[in-house]
Amino acid sequence: MALASVRVIPVLLVVVFLLPALVTCAFLSEQRRRFVLDMVDRLIEWTHGRSTSVHE
């Protein structure tokens, strides 16, 4: 029982910390939202070592 609650705590923290970002994202214009999502995609590719930048 205690082990299950220890596993749930990080999930709850992530949800609590991401909630303001999710609410803010709902009010962004389509252009700004696309910019943010593209930036996140580039960061994901960078962390996986699959950079698609033209500056290489």
Protein backbone atom coordinates (compact mmCIF):
# COMPACT_ATOMS: atom_id res chain seq x y z
CA MET A 1 0.00 0.00 0.00
CA ALA A 2 2.75 2.48 0.91
CA LEU A 3 4.73 1.63 -2.22
CA ALA A 4 1.75 2.43 -4.43
CA SER A 5 1.34 5.85 -2.84
CA VAL A 6 5.05 6.59 -3.35
CA ARG A 7 4.62 5.87 -7.06
CA VAL A 8 1.60 8.17 -7.32
CA ILE A 9 3.28 11.20 -5.72
CA PRO A 10 5.53 12.06 -8.73
CA VAL A 11 2.55 11.77 -11.08
CA LEU A 12 0.52 14.14 -8.92
CA LEU A 13 3.40 16.62 -8.81
CA VAL A 14 3.74 16.59 -12.59
CA VAL A 15 0.01 17.16 -13.02
CA VAL A 16 0.01 20.04 -10.52
CA PHE A 17 3.04 21.70 -12.12
CA LEU A 18 1.75 21.27 -15.69
CA LEU A 19 -1.76 22.53 -15.00
CA PRO A 20 -0.90 26.25 -15.38
CA ALA A 21 0.89 25.52 -18.67
CA LEU A 22 -2.08 23.59 -20.01
CA VAL A 23 -4.51 26.35 -19.06
CA THR A 24 -2.28 29.01 -20.61
CA CYS A 25 -1.86 26.99 -23.81
CA ALA A 26 -5.62 26.99 -24.32
CA PHE A 27 -5.58 30.79 -24.73
CA LEU A 28 -2.62 31.03 -27.13
CA SER A 29 -3.21 31.97 -30.73
CA GLU A 30 -2.78 29.23 -33.33
CA GLN A 31 0.54 30.70 -34.51
CA ARG A 32 1.98 30.87 -30.97
CA ARG A 33 0.72 27.38 -30.13
CA ARG A 34 2.39 25.99 -33.30
CA PHE A 35 5.66 27.76 -32.36
CA VAL A 36 5.61 26.24 -28.86
CA LEU A 37 4.81 22.75 -30.17
CA ASP A 38 7.58 22.99 -32.79
CA MET A 39 10.04 24.03 -30.10
CA VAL A 40 9.01 21.09 -27.92
CA ASP A 41 9.41 18.74 -30.89
CA ARG A 42 12.93 20.07 -31.51
CA LEU A 43 13.83 19.61 -27.85
CA ILE A 44 12.56 16.02 -27.94
CA GLU A 45 14.60 15.30 -31.06
CA TRP A 46 17.65 16.92 -29.49
CA THR A 47 17.38 14.82 -26.33
CA HIS A 48 17.11 11.68 -28.46
CA GLY A 49 20.15 12.74 -30.49
CA ARG A 50 18.22 13.13 -33.73
CA SER A 51 18.81 16.79 -34.48
CA THR A 52 17.31 17.91 -37.80
CA SER A 53 18.77 21.42 -37.65
CA VAL A 54 20.07 22.95 -40.87
CA HIS A 55 22.98 24.53 -38.92
CA GLU A 56 24.89 21.24 -38.58
